[in-house]
Protein backbone atom coordinates (compact mmCIF):
# COMPACT_ATOMS: atom_id res chain seq x y z
CA MET A 1 20.81 8.44 -0.46
CA LYS A 2 21.27 5.44 2.03
CA VAL A 3 17.51 4.04 2.63
CA LEU A 4 16.19 1.58 4.96
CA VAL A 5 12.88 0.18 3.62
CA ILE A 6 11.02 -1.69 6.54
CA GLY A 7 8.53 -4.15 4.96
CA GLY A 8 10.69 -3.99 1.78
CA ALA A 9 10.08 -7.67 0.88
CA GLY A 10 6.33 -7.23 0.64
CA TYR A 11 4.08 -6.67 -2.24
CA ILE A 12 4.14 -2.72 -2.22
CA GLY A 13 7.62 -2.46 -0.39
CA SER A 14 9.26 -4.66 -3.31
CA HIS A 15 8.14 -2.46 -5.97
CA VAL A 16 9.24 0.75 -3.80
CA VAL A 17 12.53 -0.93 -3.55
CA LYS A 18 12.84 -1.45 -7.27
CA GLU A 19 11.95 2.27 -7.82
CA LEU A 20 14.65 3.49 -5.48
CA MET A 21 17.19 1.37 -6.93
CA LYS A 22 16.31 2.79 -10.38
CA LYS A 23 16.91 6.26 -8.96
CA GLY A 24 20.31 5.25 -7.82
CA HIS A 25 19.65 5.21 -3.91
CA SER A 26 21.30 2.38 -1.77
CA VAL A 27 18.79 0.14 -0.15
CA THR A 28 18.57 -2.41 2.84
CA VAL A 29 15.54 -4.23 3.40
CA PHE A 30 14.29 -5.05 6.95
CA ASP A 31 11.33 -7.30 7.17
CA ASN A 32 9.92 -10.39 9.05
CA LEU A 33 8.70 -12.36 6.06
CA SER A 34 5.31 -12.66 7.81
CA SER A 35 3.73 -11.76 4.62
CA GLY A 36 7.05 -10.65 2.53
CA LEU A 37 8.59 -13.12 0.47
CA LEU A 38 12.33 -13.78 -0.01
CA GLN A 39 11.31 -14.05 -3.85
CA ASN A 40 10.88 -10.19 -3.73
CA LEU A 41 14.26 -9.35 -2.50
CA PHE A 42 16.91 -8.01 -4.96
CA LYS A 43 20.69 -9.21 -4.80
CA GLU A 44 21.98 -5.98 -4.98
CA ASN A 45 20.53 -4.99 -1.53
CA ASP A 46 21.36 -6.05 2.08
CA PHE A 47 18.67 -7.71 3.88
CA ILE A 48 17.91 -7.81 7.55
CA ALA A 49 15.75 -10.32 9.07
CA GLY A 50 14.01 -8.50 11.88
CA ASP A 51 10.67 -7.81 13.38
CA ILE A 52 9.42 -4.01 14.40
CA LEU A 53 8.16 -5.71 17.37
CA HIS A 54 11.65 -6.16 18.74
CA PRO A 55 13.46 -2.98 19.46
CA GLU A 56 16.69 -4.49 19.67
CA ASN A 57 16.32 -5.56 15.85
CA LEU A 58 15.38 -2.25 14.73
CA ASP A 59 18.40 -0.65 16.78
CA SER A 60 20.73 -2.99 15.02
CA ALA A 61 19.60 -2.22 11.90
CA PHE A 62 19.60 1.77 12.23
CA GLU A 63 22.86 1.58 13.74
CA ARG A 64 24.27 0.84 10.19
CA GLY A 65 23.64 4.41 9.63
CA PHE A 66 20.74 5.69 7.23
CA ASP A 67 19.56 8.95 5.71
CA ALA A 68 15.91 7.99 5.54
CA PHE A 69 13.64 5.18 6.10
CA ILE A 70 10.44 4.04 4.51
CA HIS A 71 7.78 2.32 6.83
CA LEU A 72 5.30 -0.20 4.94
CA ALA A 73 5.30 -2.86 7.74
CA ALA A 74 1.54 -2.10 8.93
CA PHE A 75 -1.10 -4.91 8.91
CA LYS A 76 -3.86 -3.58 6.33
CA ALA A 77 -7.04 -5.68 6.15
CA ALA A 78 -9.82 -3.15 7.32
CA GLY A 79 -12.36 -6.33 7.92
CA GLU A 80 -9.77 -8.33 9.97
CA SER A 81 -8.99 -5.37 12.10
CA MET A 82 -12.55 -5.07 13.38
CA ILE A 83 -12.54 -8.51 14.58
CA LYS A 84 -8.73 -8.62 15.75
CA PRO A 85 -8.14 -5.12 17.24
CA GLU A 86 -5.49 -6.24 19.54
CA LYS A 87 -3.52 -7.83 16.55
CA TYR A 88 -3.59 -4.14 14.81
CA SER A 89 -2.62 -2.37 18.07
CA VAL A 90 0.26 -4.34 18.85
CA ASN A 91 1.71 -4.43 15.30
CA ASN A 92 0.74 -1.39 13.83
CA ILE A 93 0.76 1.11 16.76
CA THR A 94 3.58 -0.63 19.23
CA GLY A 95 5.64 -1.44 16.07
CA THR A 96 5.67 2.16 14.62
CA LEU A 97 6.20 3.25 17.89
CA ASN A 98 9.51 1.27 18.36
CA ILE A 99 10.56 2.29 14.78
CA LEU A 100 10.26 5.99 15.54
CA ASN A 101 12.19 5.59 18.90
CA SER A 102 14.91 3.69 17.15
CA ALA A 103 15.06 6.00 14.21
CA VAL A 104 15.46 9.25 16.22
CA SER A 105 18.04 7.74 18.57
CA HIS A 106 20.07 7.01 15.83
CA ASP A 107 19.60 10.39 14.09
CA CYS A 108 17.60 9.12 11.01
CA LYS A 109 14.93 11.55 10.72
CA LYS A 110 13.68 11.50 7.12
CA MET A 111 10.60 8.97 7.03
CA VAL A 112 8.20 8.10 4.17
CA PHE A 113 4.88 6.36 5.73
CA SER A 114 2.53 4.36 3.68
CA SER A 115 -0.59 5.67 5.18
CA SER A 116 -4.18 4.95 3.89
CA ALA A 117 -7.06 7.00 2.72
CA ALA A 118 -8.95 4.75 5.39
CA VAL A 119 -8.26 7.88 7.80
CA PHE A 120 -10.84 9.68 6.38
CA GLY A 121 -13.85 7.47 6.67
CA GLU A 122 -17.15 7.87 4.85
CA PRO A 123 -16.72 10.45 2.21
CA GLN A 124 -18.62 13.75 2.69
CA TYR A 125 -17.55 14.88 -0.57
CA LEU A 126 -15.97 13.62 -3.59
CA PRO A 127 -12.83 13.32 -4.76
CA ILE A 128 -11.25 13.30 -1.01
CA ASP A 129 -8.71 16.04 -1.05
CA GLU A 130 -6.10 16.40 2.16
CA ASN A 131 -8.59 18.71 3.98
CA HIS A 132 -11.47 16.21 3.98
CA PRO A 133 -12.46 15.42 7.82
CA LYS A 134 -10.77 12.42 9.28
CA ASN A 135 -13.22 10.09 10.83
CA PRO A 136 -12.00 6.33 10.29
CA GLU A 137 -14.88 4.04 10.08
CA ASN A 138 -12.46 0.90 10.95
CA TYR A 139 -9.81 0.22 13.24
CA TYR A 140 -7.19 -0.52 10.61
CA GLY A 141 -7.86 3.45 9.38
CA TYR A 142 -7.94 4.55 13.22
CA THR A 143 -4.48 2.97 13.50
CA LYS A 144 -3.02 4.90 10.38
CA LEU A 145 -4.24 8.01 11.59
CA SER A 146 -2.85 7.42 15.33
CA ILE A 147 0.43 7.03 13.28
CA GLU A 148 0.23 10.21 11.70
CA GLN A 149 -0.50 12.08 15.01
CA PHE A 150 2.61 10.31 16.32
CA MET A 151 4.81 11.59 13.50
CA ALA A 152 3.46 14.87 14.01
CA TRP A 153 4.74 14.71 17.81
CA TYR A 154 7.99 13.29 16.96
CA GLU A 155 8.61 16.34 14.30
CA LYS A 156 7.50 18.93 17.13
CA LEU A 157 9.76 17.05 19.83
CA ARG A 158 12.57 15.22 17.96
CA GLY A 159 13.08 17.01 14.66
CA LEU A 160 11.68 14.04 12.41
CA LYS A 161 10.45 15.07 8.93
CA PHE A 162 7.97 12.94 7.03
CA ALA A 163 5.62 12.34 3.97
CA SER A 164 2.48 10.41 4.94
CA LEU A 165 0.94 8.91 1.80
CA ARG A 166 -2.85 8.17 1.76
CA TYR A 167 -4.37 6.06 -0.85
CA PHE A 168 -7.06 3.55 -1.43
CA ASN A 169 -6.58 0.33 -3.31
CA ALA A 170 -2.92 -0.76 -4.39
CA ALA A 171 -3.33 -2.85 -7.47
CA GLY A 172 -1.32 -4.40 -10.47
CA TYR A 173 2.18 -5.82 -10.71
CA ASP A 174 5.64 -4.56 -11.84
CA VAL A 175 5.19 -3.50 -15.24
CA ASP A 176 8.58 -4.83 -16.47
CA GLY A 177 7.42 -8.47 -15.03
CA GLU A 178 10.39 -8.64 -12.83
CA LEU A 179 8.43 -8.89 -9.52
CA TYR A 180 5.78 -11.47 -9.24
CA GLY A 181 5.75 -12.75 -5.51
CA LEU A 182 1.90 -13.16 -5.02
CA GLU A 183 0.47 -11.52 -1.94
CA GLN A 184 -0.26 -14.12 0.90
CA ASN A 185 -3.80 -14.57 1.80
CA PRO A 186 -5.23 -11.70 -0.29
CA ALA A 187 -8.31 -9.76 0.81
CA ASN A 188 -8.50 -7.29 -1.90
CA LEU A 189 -10.67 -7.42 -5.03
CA LEU A 190 -8.04 -8.02 -7.89
CA PRO A 191 -6.22 -10.81 -6.64
CA ILE A 192 -9.49 -12.84 -5.69
CA VAL A 193 -10.48 -12.25 -8.99
CA MET A 194 -7.21 -13.87 -10.62
CA GLU A 195 -7.41 -16.60 -8.22
CA VAL A 196 -10.79 -17.47 -9.65
CA ALA A 197 -9.21 -17.11 -13.09
CA CYS A 198 -6.63 -19.47 -12.39
CA GLY A 199 -8.70 -21.97 -10.86
CA MET A 200 -7.50 -21.41 -7.09
CA ARG A 201 -11.11 -20.51 -6.16
CA GLU A 202 -14.23 -21.91 -7.49
CA LYS A 203 -16.06 -18.62 -7.56
CA MET A 204 -16.26 -15.27 -5.84
CA LYS A 205 -18.48 -12.94 -4.13
CA ILE A 206 -19.70 -9.43 -4.93
CA PHE A 207 -20.91 -7.56 -1.80
CA GLY A 208 -23.85 -5.26 -3.11
CA ASN A 209 -25.24 -4.35 -6.42
CA ASP A 210 -27.84 -2.15 -5.37
CA TYR A 211 -25.27 0.70 -4.56
CA ASP A 212 -26.17 4.47 -5.91
CA THR A 213 -23.45 3.82 -8.89
CA ARG A 214 -23.59 3.54 -12.69
CA ASP A 215 -23.80 -0.22 -12.42
CA GLY A 216 -25.25 -0.72 -8.69
CA THR A 217 -21.40 -1.99 -7.50
CA CYS A 218 -19.30 -0.18 -5.41
CA ILE A 219 -17.03 2.40 -6.96
CA ARG A 220 -13.10 2.21 -5.98
CA ASP A 221 -9.89 3.96 -6.46
CA TYR A 222 -7.28 1.46 -7.87
CA ILE A 223 -3.51 2.98 -7.98
CA HIS A 224 -1.00 0.73 -10.07
CA VAL A 225 1.58 -0.45 -7.40
CA THR A 226 4.51 1.02 -9.57
CA ASP A 227 2.72 4.38 -9.63
CA LEU A 228 2.41 4.05 -5.59
CA ALA A 229 6.12 3.17 -5.70
CA THR A 230 7.12 6.14 -7.82
CA ALA A 231 5.34 8.42 -5.34
CA HIS A 232 7.23 6.83 -2.23
CA VAL A 233 10.47 7.61 -4.15
CA LYS A 234 9.37 11.52 -4.86
CA ALA A 235 8.24 11.88 -1.58
CA LEU A 236 11.68 10.63 -0.25
CA GLU A 237 13.29 13.30 -2.40
CA TYR A 238 11.16 15.80 -1.67
CA LEU A 239 12.03 15.57 2.17
CA GLU A 240 15.63 15.35 1.06
CA LYS A 241 15.39 18.91 -0.83
CA ASN A 242 12.70 20.35 1.01
CA ASP A 243 13.25 19.21 4.98
CA GLU A 244 9.45 19.87 5.07
CA SER A 245 6.87 17.37 6.04
CA LEU A 246 3.76 16.61 4.01
CA TYR A 247 0.57 14.86 4.20
CA VAL A 248 -0.22 13.82 0.43
CA ASN A 249 -3.34 11.76 -1.28
CA LEU A 250 -2.66 9.67 -4.05
CA GLY A 251 -5.47 8.71 -6.50
CA THR A 252 -6.46 8.46 -9.85
CA GLU A 253 -9.52 11.20 -9.63
CA LYS A 254 -11.80 8.70 -11.03
CA GLY A 255 -12.96 5.28 -9.91
CA THR A 256 -13.66 1.65 -11.31
CA THR A 257 -16.82 -0.46 -10.40
CA VAL A 258 -16.47 -3.95 -8.91
CA THR A 259 -18.36 -5.02 -12.05
CA GLU A 260 -16.25 -3.49 -14.56
CA MET A 261 -13.05 -4.67 -12.76
CA ILE A 262 -14.47 -8.10 -13.37
CA GLU A 263 -15.96 -7.78 -16.91
CA ALA A 264 -12.28 -6.44 -17.98
CA ALA A 265 -10.74 -9.36 -16.40
CA ARG A 266 -13.01 -11.86 -17.97
CA ARG A 267 -11.79 -10.06 -21.48
CA ILE A 268 -8.04 -10.05 -20.53
CA THR A 269 -7.74 -13.63 -19.33
CA GLY A 270 -10.30 -15.25 -21.37
CA LYS A 271 -11.70 -16.85 -18.41
CA PRO A 272 -15.24 -16.87 -17.12
CA ILE A 273 -14.56 -15.68 -13.32
CA PRO A 274 -17.94 -16.76 -11.79
CA ALA A 275 -19.04 -14.62 -9.26
CA ASP A 276 -22.31 -14.22 -7.04
CA TYR A 277 -23.97 -11.15 -5.67
CA VAL A 278 -24.65 -11.10 -2.11
CA GLU A 279 -25.47 -8.67 0.51
CA ARG A 280 -23.56 -5.57 1.10
CA ARG A 281 -20.65 -5.81 3.74
CA PRO A 282 -21.23 -3.20 6.80
CA GLY A 283 -19.35 0.25 6.34
CA ASP A 284 -18.72 -0.10 2.76
CA PRO A 285 -19.19 3.16 1.05
CA ALA A 286 -20.64 3.44 -2.19
CA THR A 287 -17.95 5.35 -3.85
CA LEU A 288 -14.49 6.33 -3.01
CA TYR A 289 -11.66 8.00 -4.96
CA ALA A 290 -8.97 10.67 -4.03
CA CYS A 291 -7.83 14.00 -5.43
CA ALA A 292 -4.37 13.85 -6.73
CA LYS A 293 -3.83 17.60 -7.52
CA TYR A 294 -1.62 18.40 -4.49
CA ALA A 295 0.34 15.26 -5.18
CA TYR A 296 1.23 16.74 -8.47
CA GLU A 297 1.86 20.14 -7.22
CA LYS A 298 4.10 19.22 -4.72
CA LEU A 299 5.81 15.81 -6.11
CA GLY A 300 5.19 16.30 -9.64
CA TRP A 301 3.16 12.86 -9.15
CA LYS A 302 0.40 11.47 -11.13
CA ALA A 303 -0.74 7.98 -11.81
CA GLU A 304 0.44 6.76 -15.14
CA HIS A 305 0.16 2.84 -15.15
CA SER A 306 -3.27 2.71 -13.41
CA ASP A 307 -5.54 2.25 -16.44
CA ILE A 308 -7.79 -1.02 -16.12
CA ASP A 309 -5.96 -2.85 -18.59
CA THR A 310 -2.61 -2.29 -17.40
CA LEU A 311 -3.95 -2.83 -13.76
CA ILE A 312 -5.70 -6.25 -15.10
CA GLY A 313 -2.84 -7.24 -17.48
CA SER A 314 0.25 -6.70 -15.09
CA THR A 315 -1.66 -8.87 -12.26
CA TRP A 316 -2.69 -11.61 -14.79
CA ASN A 317 0.96 -11.77 -16.32
CA ALA A 318 2.44 -12.17 -12.49
CA TYR A 319 -0.03 -15.09 -11.73
CA GLN A 320 0.86 -16.76 -15.01
CA LYS A 321 4.34 -16.47 -14.31
CA TYR A 322 4.29 -17.66 -10.66
CA LEU A 323 2.12 -20.27 -10.97
CA SER A 324 3.95 -21.75 -14.15
CA GLU A 325 7.00 -21.62 -11.93
CA ASN A 326 5.53 -23.29 -8.94
CA ARG A 327 3.79 -26.27 -10.98
CA ARG A 328 6.96 -27.58 -12.08
């Protein structure tokens, strides 16, 4: 298939591009490089420097003719979304509507959307399945849910077929070591752990150690980015074969505590990784993890690289490789 990957120079996007190439698909990357990196691009792919807030950029891209597109160009920091809702409204909502309008006007009607398990909010039961009530607790999650609703309407009115992939915490790096462009201004746990291990930060904070979990710290569902990339490709191929939209949760069906992650990182890196326990952050549930049964039934997908040693080891390798090249 001829595929346009919007946000394909980013952390998850670049891994998706690699998996698409492995399956023989022809890939064009569309990115404004606000968080994506030129380092993440592959010479085999065309690259379009463009912005989803400029409809003329999208029209010029879709005019090339694509069988499908993958949308990974949303802002994703949940905490920031509560402080800067305007930023998330403009990029995530307006930007996505621009994408949908341009895509359908150029008869590109197969879409894979990188959604989020943040659409569910506080879990009413675990693991979270596709039928769990949707009640986002942050504005970021609300924008993702809104986009899912837009896609459903565009299916009814314009014949768009889509796969919406919902997951919690993307982590790890390319298991082959080919991709190692670091995320810009990371807000997730593992990159912060790595920055402390590398000496880029003096120490880190652990928000709360009095949760009702096995060690008092939050439990989260960490999925290796290569597993996520594989899911995006499988979803695209599902749409091509079945022409049927679907919503799919991606998860490991188990979780890792913050303390377990840090202790494993100390073991693997050999670094002390100083960390202070501080007060809980508002709105942080004690435990979050998703059910992946439907993903296996529909896509034949399951997490294969998401064990804690692979998550941390591949990330540590990426940081070591990146820093060694940039300290020369």
